[in-house]
Amino acid sequence: YFIYNVARVLRDIGEMLLTFAYPDTPLFIANALLILVIIYTVRKGIEVIARSGEIFFIIMYILAITGFILIVCSGLIDITNLQPVLEEGIFPPLKVVFTQILYFPFSEAIVFTMILPYLKNPKKAKVTMLCASGLAGINLTIAMLINISVLGVDLTARSQFPLLSTIQSIQVADFLERLDVFFMIALVTGGFFKISVLLYAAVIGTANLFKLKSSSRLSYPIGLMILFMSMTISSNFQEHLHEGLVIEMFVLYIPLSAIIPPLLLLVAFLKNRKKQRE
C-alpha cells in the first residue's frame, strides 16, 4: 500500500513538472532526480525527515501567505462565485465527505502509525495528530475557497491543477505575473515529504516483515522499484487520474484504511483483555 502510494505521488509530481515547466524532459529523468534525493533522506532516518519538515513548514506558509496577498491585490477574488451556499442542503457535502474525502487524503495518515513506536514521547502523538489533521483540513478548505472564488465552480472542476490555474491568474501592476514557480515549489516540497514518510514506512515495514537488522539498506532497492513502478503504473495521465480517483478508492483506500485498521484494533483490544484476565 505504501509503495504503491509513493509511486502514484511520484508520477503526479513528474507529470505536473513536465506539463507546465519541462515539456521536453523525459518523465524518467524528472522522477529519478526526485526519488534519488528522497532515498538519501530516508536512509538518514526519520529524525532528518522531521527536522527538514520543521524548516520547510515555515517556508511553505510564507509562500502560502505571499500568494494569498498577491491574489487579493490582483482583485481576482469574486465572492459571488461561492453562491449559493448549501443550495441542496447539508447532505450532498456530507456524502462527499464519507465517500471520498475521508479516504483521500485523510486516510493516508494511517502511515504515521508505522512511526509511533519510534517516538520518544508517544503520549504527545494523539494531540499532534489531531492538530495536524485539523490544520490540513483548514488549509484544503482555504485553498478550495480561493480556487472557486477566482476560477468559478466549472473551471475549478475541469482543471487538473486548479491552484496552479489560480496562481497563473495573478497580475499585479503589470509587473508581477506568471508566478507558477510558487505552485511548483509548494507541490514539490509537499510531495517530497509525503513520499519520504511513505517510503520510510515501506522500508521499516519490509525490514520488520523479513526480520532484517538494518532497514536503511532497503531504501535503495525499494526506491528503484518505486521509480520504475511510477513509469509503468499507467500509460498516460488521464488513465493515471481515473485509476487513482475511481479504482484505487475501492481496491485500496477503503479496505486498507477503513476496514482492516479497526479489525486490528479490535484484535489488539481482545488480546489485551485476555492478558489482563490472566
Protein backbone atom coordinates (compact mmCIF):
# COMPACT_ATOMS: atom_id res chain seq x y z
CA TYR A 1 0.00 0.00 0.00
CA PHE A 2 2.78 2.46 0.93
CA ILE A 3 4.94 1.53 -2.05
CA TYR A 4 2.02 1.91 -4.45
CA ASN A 5 1.12 5.28 -2.92
CA VAL A 6 4.70 6.52 -3.32
CA ALA A 7 4.66 5.53 -7.00
CA ARG A 8 1.40 7.42 -7.53
CA VAL A 9 2.61 10.62 -5.86
CA LEU A 10 5.92 10.46 -7.73
CA ARG A 11 4.03 10.11 -11.03
CA ASP A 12 1.77 13.05 -10.07
CA ILE A 13 4.73 15.36 -9.47
CA GLY A 14 6.59 14.19 -12.57
CA GLU A 15 3.56 14.73 -14.81
CA MET A 16 2.96 18.19 -13.36
CA LEU A 17 6.57 19.26 -13.89
CA LEU A 18 6.55 18.00 -17.47
CA THR A 19 3.19 19.60 -18.27
CA PHE A 20 3.93 23.10 -17.00
CA ALA A 21 7.70 23.51 -16.76
CA TYR A 22 9.77 20.90 -18.64
CA PRO A 23 7.76 19.63 -21.64
CA ASP A 24 10.84 18.26 -23.45
CA THR A 25 12.24 16.40 -20.44
CA PRO A 26 11.63 12.63 -20.20
CA LEU A 27 9.38 11.58 -17.32
CA PHE A 28 12.03 9.13 -16.14
CA ILE A 29 14.56 11.94 -15.55
CA ALA A 30 12.13 14.07 -13.50
CA ASN A 31 11.06 11.11 -11.35
CA ALA A 32 14.61 9.78 -10.95
CA LEU A 33 16.03 13.09 -9.69
CA LEU A 34 13.33 13.41 -7.03
CA ILE A 35 13.41 9.79 -5.84
CA LEU A 36 17.22 9.82 -5.52
CA VAL A 37 17.07 12.77 -3.13
CA ILE A 38 14.28 11.07 -1.17
CA ILE A 39 16.19 7.77 -0.96
CA TYR A 40 19.16 9.66 0.51
CA THR A 41 16.88 11.39 3.05
CA VAL A 42 15.14 8.15 4.10
CA ARG A 43 18.49 6.42 4.52
CA LYS A 44 19.47 9.12 7.03
CA GLY A 45 16.44 8.29 9.18
CA ILE A 46 13.14 9.72 10.40
CA GLU A 47 14.83 12.43 12.50
CA VAL A 48 16.34 14.02 9.39
CA ILE A 49 12.91 13.97 7.68
CA ALA A 50 11.31 15.56 10.75
CA ARG A 51 13.93 18.30 11.11
CA SER A 52 13.70 19.10 7.40
CA GLY A 53 9.94 19.34 7.83
CA GLU A 54 10.33 21.91 10.61
CA ILE A 55 12.33 24.15 8.26
CA PHE A 56 10.15 23.75 5.19
CA PHE A 57 6.95 24.14 7.21
CA ILE A 58 7.83 27.81 7.71
CA ILE A 59 8.83 28.26 4.05
CA MET A 60 5.56 26.70 2.85
CA TYR A 61 3.48 29.07 4.95
CA ILE A 62 5.48 32.09 3.81
CA LEU A 63 4.74 31.05 0.21
CA ALA A 64 1.06 30.49 1.01
CA ILE A 65 0.60 33.85 2.74
CA THR A 66 2.50 35.69 -0.01
CA GLY A 67 0.39 34.02 -2.69
CA PHE A 68 -2.83 34.90 -0.86
CA ILE A 69 -1.80 38.57 -0.55
CA LEU A 70 -0.95 38.73 -4.26
CA ILE A 71 -4.30 37.16 -5.22
CA VAL A 72 -6.16 39.73 -3.09
CA CYS A 73 -4.07 42.59 -4.52
CA SER A 74 -4.83 41.39 -8.06
CA GLY A 75 -8.55 41.77 -7.40
CA LEU A 76 -9.23 38.24 -8.66
CA ILE A 77 -11.49 37.11 -5.81
CA ASP A 78 -15.19 37.19 -6.60
CA ILE A 79 -17.22 36.11 -3.57
CA THR A 80 -20.36 35.62 -5.69
CA ASN A 81 -18.70 32.53 -7.21
CA LEU A 82 -19.25 30.82 -3.85
CA GLN A 83 -23.01 31.29 -4.01
CA PRO A 84 -25.41 29.69 -3.47
CA VAL A 85 -24.05 28.13 -0.27
CA LEU A 86 -25.56 24.68 0.50
CA GLU A 87 -28.10 25.06 -2.29
CA GLU A 88 -29.30 21.47 -1.87
CA GLY A 89 -28.75 21.25 1.90
CA ILE A 90 -26.05 19.68 4.04
CA PHE A 91 -26.43 16.10 2.77
CA PRO A 92 -24.53 16.38 -0.58
CA PRO A 93 -21.37 17.70 1.17
CA LEU A 94 -21.66 15.01 3.85
CA LYS A 95 -22.00 12.35 1.16
CA VAL A 96 -18.76 13.55 -0.48
CA VAL A 97 -17.01 13.58 2.92
CA PHE A 98 -17.91 9.99 3.80
CA THR A 99 -17.44 8.54 0.30
CA GLN A 100 -14.34 10.41 -0.92
CA ILE A 101 -12.53 12.96 1.26
CA LEU A 102 -12.45 10.76 4.35
CA TYR A 103 -10.45 8.15 2.40
CA PHE A 104 -8.34 10.55 0.35
CA PRO A 105 -6.34 12.34 1.58
CA PHE A 106 -7.08 11.89 5.32
CA SER A 107 -6.98 8.09 5.46
CA GLU A 108 -3.39 8.19 4.22
CA ALA A 109 -2.45 9.42 7.70
CA ILE A 110 -2.50 5.71 8.64
CA VAL A 111 1.17 5.78 7.56
CA PHE A 112 2.10 7.60 10.78
CA THR A 113 1.14 4.54 12.83
CA MET A 114 4.35 3.00 11.46
CA ILE A 115 6.34 5.80 13.12
CA LEU A 116 4.59 5.78 16.53
CA PRO A 117 6.82 3.04 18.05
CA TYR A 118 9.91 5.19 17.41
CA LEU A 119 8.71 8.34 19.21
CA LYS A 120 10.49 9.46 22.38
CA ASN A 121 7.22 10.76 23.84
CA PRO A 122 4.33 8.70 22.38
CA LYS A 123 1.78 10.42 24.65
CA LYS A 124 2.03 13.61 22.59
CA ALA A 125 1.24 11.76 19.35
CA LYS A 126 -2.55 11.96 19.77
CA VAL A 127 -2.67 15.74 20.24
CA THR A 128 -0.11 16.31 17.49
CA MET A 129 -2.01 14.10 15.06
CA LEU A 130 -5.35 15.79 15.73
CA CYS A 131 -3.80 19.26 15.38
CA ALA A 132 -2.04 18.29 12.14
CA SER A 133 -5.21 16.78 10.64
CA GLY A 134 -7.21 19.86 11.64
CA LEU A 135 -4.62 22.20 10.15
CA ALA A 136 -4.54 20.17 6.93
CA GLY A 137 -8.33 20.40 6.69
CA ILE A 138 -8.23 24.19 7.20
CA ASN A 139 -5.53 24.55 4.53
CA LEU A 140 -7.50 22.50 2.00
CA THR A 141 -10.68 24.45 2.74
CA ILE A 142 -8.99 27.83 2.28
CA ALA A 143 -7.29 26.69 -0.92
CA MET A 144 -10.57 25.43 -2.37
CA LEU A 145 -12.43 28.61 -1.37
CA ILE A 146 -9.78 30.71 -3.15
CA ASN A 147 -9.86 28.49 -6.25
CA ILE A 148 -13.65 28.72 -6.57
CA SER A 149 -13.65 32.46 -5.81
CA VAL A 150 -11.13 33.10 -8.59
CA LEU A 151 -11.94 30.47 -11.23
CA GLY A 152 -15.57 29.64 -10.56
CA VAL A 153 -17.04 26.18 -9.99
CA ASP A 154 -16.91 24.91 -13.59
CA LEU A 155 -13.29 25.84 -14.28
CA THR A 156 -12.16 24.56 -10.87
CA ALA A 157 -13.84 21.20 -11.54
CA ARG A 158 -12.33 20.89 -15.03
CA SER A 159 -8.79 21.98 -14.17
CA GLN A 160 -6.19 19.29 -13.45
CA PHE A 161 -4.33 21.68 -11.12
CA PRO A 162 -6.83 24.37 -10.04
CA LEU A 163 -4.43 26.05 -7.61
CA LEU A 164 -1.87 26.43 -10.40
CA SER A 165 -4.53 27.98 -12.65
CA THR A 166 -5.37 30.41 -9.83
CA ILE A 167 -1.74 31.43 -9.34
CA GLN A 168 -1.28 31.84 -13.09
CA SER A 169 -4.07 34.43 -13.00
CA ILE A 170 -2.11 36.72 -10.65
CA GLN A 171 -1.19 40.04 -12.23
CA VAL A 172 -0.18 42.99 -10.06
CA ALA A 173 0.53 46.38 -11.68
CA ASP A 174 1.57 44.71 -14.98
CA PHE A 175 4.73 43.66 -13.18
CA LEU A 176 4.16 40.58 -11.02
CA GLU A 177 2.76 37.76 -13.13
CA ARG A 178 3.46 34.17 -14.20
CA LEU A 179 4.19 33.11 -10.63
CA ASP A 180 3.94 29.41 -11.45
CA VAL A 181 7.15 28.85 -9.52
CA PHE A 182 5.19 29.41 -6.26
CA PHE A 183 3.00 26.42 -7.01
CA MET A 184 5.92 24.32 -8.28
CA ILE A 185 7.95 24.87 -5.09
CA ALA A 186 4.97 24.13 -2.85
CA LEU A 187 3.96 20.96 -4.71
CA VAL A 188 7.47 19.54 -4.98
CA THR A 189 8.17 20.33 -1.31
CA GLY A 190 4.90 18.77 -0.13
CA GLY A 191 5.40 15.78 -2.41
CA PHE A 192 8.95 15.34 -1.13
CA PHE A 193 7.76 14.95 2.47
CA LYS A 194 4.77 12.79 1.59
CA ILE A 195 6.96 10.41 -0.43
CA SER A 196 9.66 10.43 2.27
CA VAL A 197 7.24 9.39 5.03
CA LEU A 198 5.57 6.74 2.86
CA LEU A 199 8.91 5.34 1.69
CA TYR A 200 10.24 5.28 5.26
CA ALA A 201 7.16 3.33 6.37
CA ALA A 202 7.62 0.90 3.48
CA VAL A 203 11.28 0.40 4.34
CA ILE A 204 10.80 -0.26 8.07
CA GLY A 205 7.72 -2.38 7.37
CA THR A 206 9.66 -4.56 4.94
CA ALA A 207 12.56 -4.84 7.39
CA ASN A 208 10.22 -5.97 10.17
CA LEU A 209 8.45 -8.42 7.88
CA PHE A 210 11.68 -10.15 6.84
CA LYS A 211 13.40 -9.60 10.23
CA LEU A 212 16.29 -7.56 8.82
CA LYS A 213 18.55 -5.76 11.28
CA SER A 214 19.47 -2.81 9.05
CA SER A 215 16.39 -1.30 7.39
CA SER A 216 18.22 1.64 5.79
CA ARG A 217 19.81 -0.62 3.18
CA LEU A 218 16.38 -1.38 1.77
CA SER A 219 15.82 2.25 0.76
CA TYR A 220 17.81 1.83 -2.47
CA PRO A 221 16.15 -1.30 -3.91
CA ILE A 222 12.65 -0.21 -2.82
CA GLY A 223 13.28 3.31 -4.14
CA LEU A 224 14.41 1.98 -7.54
CA MET A 225 11.40 -0.33 -7.66
CA ILE A 226 9.14 2.66 -6.97
CA LEU A 227 10.84 4.65 -9.74
CA PHE A 228 10.07 2.00 -12.36
CA MET A 229 6.61 1.42 -10.90
CA SER A 230 5.82 5.14 -11.31
CA MET A 231 6.68 4.83 -15.01
CA THR A 232 4.56 1.73 -15.64
CA ILE A 233 1.61 2.48 -13.32
CA SER A 234 -0.41 3.88 -16.25
CA SER A 235 0.08 4.66 -19.92
CA ASN A 236 -0.98 8.32 -19.69
CA PHE A 237 -2.03 10.95 -17.17
CA GLN A 238 -5.78 10.59 -17.76
CA GLU A 239 -5.60 6.86 -17.08
CA HIS A 240 -3.50 7.63 -14.01
CA LEU A 241 -6.18 10.02 -12.66
CA HIS A 242 -9.01 7.55 -13.34
CA GLU A 243 -7.15 4.77 -11.56
CA GLY A 244 -6.47 6.97 -8.53
CA LEU A 245 -9.91 8.59 -8.18
CA VAL A 246 -12.14 5.64 -9.05
CA ILE A 247 -10.42 2.24 -8.88
CA GLU A 248 -7.95 2.83 -6.05
CA MET A 249 -10.70 4.16 -3.78
CA PHE A 250 -12.46 0.78 -3.59
CA VAL A 251 -9.49 -1.54 -4.04
CA LEU A 252 -7.04 0.09 -1.62
CA TYR A 253 -8.29 3.05 0.43
CA ILE A 254 -11.49 1.57 1.83
CA PRO A 255 -10.12 -1.92 2.71
CA LEU A 256 -6.69 -0.81 3.96
CA SER A 257 -7.72 2.42 5.68
CA ALA A 258 -11.30 1.88 6.84
CA ILE A 259 -11.79 -1.89 7.31
CA ILE A 260 -8.51 -3.57 8.28
CA PRO A 261 -7.29 -0.99 10.91
CA PRO A 262 -10.49 -1.22 13.02
CA LEU A 263 -10.31 -5.01 12.83
CA LEU A 264 -6.68 -4.93 14.01
CA LEU A 265 -7.69 -2.57 16.82
CA LEU A 266 -10.43 -4.99 17.88
CA VAL A 267 -7.99 -7.91 17.88
CA ALA A 268 -5.47 -5.90 19.95
CA PHE A 269 -8.22 -4.91 22.40
CA LEU A 270 -9.34 -8.52 22.88
CA LYS A 271 -5.74 -9.71 23.32
CA ASN A 272 -5.08 -7.07 25.98
CA ARG A 273 -8.25 -8.03 27.86
CA LYS A 274 -7.18 -11.67 27.78
CA LYS A 275 -3.74 -10.77 29.16
CA GLN A 276 -5.27 -8.66 31.93
CA ARG A 277 -7.54 -11.55 32.99
CA GLU A 278 -4.61 -13.95 33.07
